[in-house]
Protein backbone atom coordinates (compact mmCIF):
# COMPACT_ATOMS: atom_id res chain seq x y z
CA UNK A 1 -9.97 -53.17 15.59
CA UNK A 2 -10.24 -56.48 17.49
CA UNK A 3 -12.22 -57.99 14.60
CA UNK A 4 -9.49 -57.05 12.16
CA UNK A 5 -6.85 -58.54 14.42
CA UNK A 6 -8.90 -61.76 14.74
CA UNK A 7 -9.26 -62.05 10.97
CA UNK A 8 -5.54 -61.54 10.56
CA UNK A 9 -4.69 -64.60 12.56
CA UNK A 10 -3.96 -67.99 10.94
CA UNK A 11 -7.00 -70.21 10.25
CA UNK A 12 -6.05 -72.85 12.87
CA UNK A 13 -5.68 -70.21 15.59
CA UNK A 14 -9.01 -68.62 14.66
CA UNK A 15 -10.78 -72.02 14.89
CA UNK A 16 -9.26 -72.72 18.32
CA UNK A 17 -10.28 -69.30 19.63
CA UNK A 18 -13.81 -69.72 18.27
CA UNK A 19 -14.12 -73.18 19.89
CA UNK A 20 -13.02 -71.81 23.26
CA UNK A 21 -15.44 -68.93 22.94
CA UNK A 22 -18.30 -71.33 22.21
CA UNK A 23 -17.33 -73.52 25.19
CA UNK A 24 -17.24 -70.50 27.48
CA UNK A 25 -20.64 -69.45 26.18
CA UNK A 26 -22.12 -72.91 26.86
CA UNK A 27 -20.79 -72.92 30.43
CA UNK A 28 -22.19 -69.45 31.06
CA UNK A 29 -25.50 -70.50 29.53
CA UNK A 30 -25.68 -73.55 31.79
CA UNK A 31 -25.23 -71.45 34.92
CA UNK A 32 -27.75 -68.87 33.77
CA UNK A 33 -30.23 -71.44 32.38
CA UNK A 34 -30.31 -73.85 35.33
CA UNK A 35 -27.83 -76.53 34.25
CA UNK A 36 -25.82 -75.85 37.39
CA UNK A 37 -28.14 -78.27 39.25
CA UNK A 38 -26.10 -81.12 37.73
CA UNK A 39 -23.04 -80.09 39.69
CA UNK A 40 -22.37 -82.35 42.74
CA UNK A 41 -22.52 -79.63 45.40
CA UNK A 42 -25.78 -78.33 43.92
CA UNK A 43 -27.21 -81.90 43.83
CA UNK A 44 -26.34 -82.31 47.51
CA UNK A 45 -28.13 -79.08 48.39
CA UNK A 46 -31.14 -80.11 46.30
CA UNK A 47 -31.28 -83.52 48.05
CA UNK A 48 -31.28 -81.80 51.43
CA UNK A 49 -34.11 -79.52 50.34
CA UNK A 50 -36.16 -82.46 49.00
CA UNK A 51 -35.53 -84.47 52.19
CA UNK A 52 -36.82 -81.58 54.31
CA UNK A 53 -39.82 -81.04 52.02
CA UNK A 54 -40.83 -84.61 51.19
CA UNK A 55 -39.13 -86.74 53.87
CA UNK A 56 -36.91 -89.77 53.34
CA UNK A 57 -37.17 -91.80 50.16
CA UNK A 58 -37.60 -95.60 50.24
CA UNK A 59 -33.88 -96.42 50.22
CA UNK A 60 -33.20 -93.92 52.99
CA UNK A 61 -36.05 -95.27 55.11
CA UNK A 62 -34.77 -98.84 54.68
CA UNK A 63 -31.27 -97.79 55.71
CA UNK A 64 -32.61 -95.96 58.75
CA UNK A 65 -34.79 -98.92 59.80
CA UNK A 66 -31.82 -101.30 59.55
CA UNK A 67 -29.75 -99.02 61.75
CA UNK A 68 -32.54 -98.78 64.32
CA UNK A 69 -33.01 -102.57 64.30
CA UNK A 70 -29.28 -103.16 64.75
CA UNK A 71 -29.27 -100.89 67.79
CA UNK A 72 -32.44 -102.47 69.19
CA UNK A 73 -30.99 -106.00 69.03
CA UNK A 74 -28.47 -105.02 71.70
CA UNK A 75 -31.19 -103.54 73.97
CA UNK A 76 -33.24 -105.35 76.60
CA UNK A 77 -36.53 -107.08 75.83
CA UNK A 78 -38.67 -104.08 76.82
CA UNK A 79 -36.79 -101.76 74.47
CA UNK A 80 -37.11 -104.33 71.71
CA UNK A 81 -40.85 -104.56 72.34
CA UNK A 82 -41.13 -100.79 72.09
CA UNK A 83 -39.22 -100.81 68.80
CA UNK A 84 -41.56 -103.52 67.48
CA UNK A 85 -44.59 -101.45 68.45
CA UNK A 86 -43.12 -98.58 66.46
CA UNK A 87 -42.71 -100.92 63.51
CA UNK A 88 -46.43 -101.72 63.66
CA UNK A 89 -47.19 -98.04 63.07
CA UNK A 90 -44.57 -97.88 60.32
CA UNK A 91 -46.09 -100.90 58.62
CA UNK A 92 -49.60 -99.45 58.72
CA UNK A 93 -48.52 -96.07 57.36
CA UNK A 94 -45.94 -97.22 54.78
CA UNK A 95 -47.05 -97.05 51.13
CA UNK A 96 -43.89 -98.46 49.52
CA UNK A 97 -43.92 -102.31 49.32
CA UNK A 98 -40.12 -102.48 49.45
CA UNK A 99 -40.11 -100.79 52.84
CA UNK A 100 -42.93 -103.02 54.13
CA UNK A 101 -40.96 -106.07 52.96
CA UNK A 102 -37.91 -104.79 54.84
CA UNK A 103 -39.97 -104.29 58.01
CA UNK A 104 -41.10 -107.92 57.81
CA UNK A 105 -37.52 -109.11 57.47
CA UNK A 106 -36.51 -107.10 60.52
CA UNK A 107 -39.47 -108.31 62.59
CA UNK A 108 -38.44 -111.95 62.17
CA UNK A 109 -35.51 -111.21 64.51
CA UNK A 110 -37.71 -110.04 67.39
CA UNK A 111 -39.70 -112.51 69.45
CA UNK A 112 -42.57 -110.45 70.79
CA UNK A 113 -46.31 -110.05 70.08
CA UNK A 114 -45.97 -106.90 67.95
CA UNK A 115 -43.39 -108.45 65.62
CA UNK A 116 -45.42 -111.65 65.30
CA UNK A 117 -48.53 -109.59 64.49
CA UNK A 118 -46.64 -107.88 61.66
CA UNK A 119 -45.45 -111.23 60.29
CA UNK A 120 -49.00 -112.61 60.37
CA UNK A 121 -50.53 -109.52 58.80
CA UNK A 122 -47.86 -109.38 56.10
CA UNK A 123 -49.12 -112.68 54.70
CA UNK A 124 -52.30 -110.87 53.58
CA UNK A 125 -50.61 -107.75 52.22
CA UNK A 126 -52.03 -106.62 48.85
CA UNK A 127 -48.56 -106.61 47.28
CA UNK A 128 -46.94 -109.85 46.07
CA UNK A 129 -43.44 -108.73 47.10
CA UNK A 130 -44.58 -108.20 50.68
CA UNK A 131 -46.40 -111.55 50.93
CA UNK A 132 -43.25 -113.30 49.71
CA UNK A 133 -41.23 -111.41 52.33
CA UNK A 134 -43.73 -112.57 54.96
CA UNK A 135 -43.19 -116.20 53.88
CA UNK A 136 -39.44 -115.74 54.28
CA UNK A 137 -39.98 -114.15 57.70
CA UNK A 138 -41.83 -117.27 58.86
CA UNK A 139 -39.05 -119.44 57.46
CA UNK A 140 -36.67 -117.50 59.68
CA UNK A 141 -38.97 -117.84 62.70
CA UNK A 142 -39.46 -121.58 62.16
CA UNK A 143 -41.41 -124.13 64.20
CA UNK A 144 -44.83 -125.69 63.75
CA UNK A 145 -46.45 -122.24 63.68
CA UNK A 146 -44.42 -121.39 60.58
CA UNK A 147 -45.64 -124.60 58.92
CA UNK A 148 -49.22 -123.58 59.65
CA UNK A 149 -48.93 -120.08 58.21
CA UNK A 150 -46.96 -121.14 55.14
CA UNK A 151 -49.43 -123.94 54.46
CA UNK A 152 -52.34 -121.49 54.65
CA UNK A 153 -50.57 -119.10 52.31
CA UNK A 154 -49.99 -121.88 49.77
CA UNK A 155 -53.62 -122.96 49.93
CA UNK A 156 -55.17 -119.51 49.76
CA UNK A 157 -52.92 -117.25 47.66
CA UNK A 158 -53.97 -116.58 44.07
CA UNK A 159 -50.48 -115.57 42.93
CA UNK A 160 -48.44 -118.55 41.74
CA UNK A 161 -45.14 -116.90 42.70
CA UNK A 162 -46.28 -116.60 46.30
CA UNK A 163 -47.54 -120.20 46.33
CA UNK A 164 -44.24 -121.46 44.94
CA UNK A 165 -42.36 -119.44 47.53
CA UNK A 166 -44.49 -120.85 50.34
CA UNK A 167 -43.77 -124.41 49.16
CA UNK A 168 -40.06 -123.67 48.90
CA UNK A 169 -39.97 -122.27 52.43
CA UNK A 170 -41.90 -125.28 53.75
CA UNK A 171 -39.15 -127.49 52.39
CA UNK A 172 -36.40 -125.28 53.80
CA UNK A 173 -37.97 -125.57 57.27
CA UNK A 174 -37.09 -129.28 57.28
CA UNK A 175 -40.14 -129.96 59.44
CA UNK A 176 -42.01 -133.22 58.81
CA UNK A 177 -45.25 -131.46 59.78
CA UNK A 178 -45.08 -129.90 56.30
CA UNK A 179 -45.42 -133.27 54.52
CA UNK A 180 -49.26 -133.25 54.26
CA UNK A 181 -49.42 -129.84 52.56
CA UNK A 182 -46.52 -130.74 50.27
CA UNK A 183 -48.43 -133.90 49.34
CA UNK A 184 -51.36 -131.65 48.44
CA UNK A 185 -49.06 -129.63 46.22
CA UNK A 186 -48.21 -132.79 44.28
CA UNK A 187 -51.84 -132.82 43.11
CA UNK A 188 -51.73 -129.27 41.75
CA UNK A 189 -52.44 -128.98 37.99
CA UNK A 190 -49.45 -126.65 37.56
CA UNK A 191 -46.26 -128.67 36.79
CA UNK A 192 -44.15 -125.91 38.36
CA UNK A 193 -45.96 -126.37 41.66
CA UNK A 194 -45.53 -130.15 41.47
CA UNK A 195 -41.81 -129.81 40.74
CA UNK A 196 -41.36 -127.39 43.64
CA UNK A 197 -43.25 -129.75 45.96
CA UNK A 198 -40.95 -132.64 44.96
CA UNK A 199 -37.87 -130.53 45.68
CA UNK A 200 -39.26 -129.56 49.09
CA UNK A 201 -40.14 -133.16 49.96
CA UNK A 202 -36.54 -134.13 49.23
CA UNK A 203 -35.42 -131.53 51.77
CA UNK A 204 -37.94 -132.54 54.42
CA UNK A 205 -37.46 -136.30 54.06
CA UNK A 206 -33.74 -136.44 53.40
CA UNK A 207 -34.53 -138.95 50.65
CA UNK A 208 -34.21 -138.77 46.89
CA UNK A 209 -36.85 -140.63 44.91
CA UNK A 210 -36.00 -138.69 41.81
CA UNK A 211 -38.47 -136.36 40.13
CA UNK A 212 -41.26 -138.88 39.64
CA UNK A 213 -44.36 -137.25 41.12
CA UNK A 214 -46.11 -140.63 41.47
CA UNK A 215 -43.23 -142.04 43.50
CA UNK A 216 -43.48 -139.12 45.90
CA UNK A 217 -47.25 -139.45 46.09
CA UNK A 218 -46.81 -143.05 47.17
CA UNK A 219 -44.17 -142.08 49.70
CA UNK A 220 -46.27 -139.25 51.14
CA UNK A 221 -49.15 -141.64 51.84
CA UNK A 222 -47.08 -143.42 54.51
CA UNK A 223 -43.64 -141.91 55.17
CA UNK A 224 -43.22 -144.10 58.27
CA UNK A 225 -43.40 -147.28 56.20
CA UNK A 226 -40.61 -146.06 53.96
CA UNK A 227 -38.59 -145.08 57.00
CA UNK A 228 -38.94 -148.61 58.45
CA UNK A 229 -38.11 -150.15 55.10
CA UNK A 230 -34.97 -148.01 54.84
CA UNK A 231 -33.91 -148.90 58.39
CA UNK A 232 -34.18 -152.64 57.71
CA UNK A 233 -32.24 -152.32 54.47
CA UNK A 234 -29.54 -150.34 56.27
CA UNK A 235 -29.18 -153.06 58.91
CA UNK A 236 -28.73 -155.73 56.24
CA UNK A 237 -26.12 -153.62 54.49
CA UNK A 238 -24.17 -153.34 57.72
CA UNK A 239 -24.30 -157.10 58.31
CA UNK A 240 -23.19 -158.06 54.84
């Protein structure tokens, strides 16, 4: 009976009813076949199950570490030291380089032996991303010690990206103690290293001799002589 009634309907109405029936069938099939996992409330439940089973993912761990670090910055020195000791364990156990890089960035804010140990150890991490993060951590820490560690990283690292990053950070430190290692970088066979060394020498010296590597080599041999020469020229400009 119902089939006869359906066939008696106009063609347009029959097509509409068939389309709706197919749509309803697809929806039912999705629920029965497992497609319901794409629904937002099901995704949320699945995420909670995975979190309990597998723990936090990398992004979640980074977010949690940032929150803990923010809280620790307002604590006293002993509490900060305890947090840094916890970070040592996190660093040793962490397999994701992004999380290790984040730990290094956080450690640069804490002046205690555990944080410094992480920043030193990070320079020898097997992952390039982490070694670069360690260079940036020492840039943030600053001082002659930073010059020493960045210089060693430039001289010893086999990855050119890390070496370039170390040179860049040496320039950003603005510390004249970095001049000897930057002068070494001028002798590198890689033009990219030479160019980066020139840019860093401009930052450290406050001078601009252009991009002529030979001019910077000459300057680096005796920066004091150039400083005296500049001072005399400045005096004469003021007089005349």
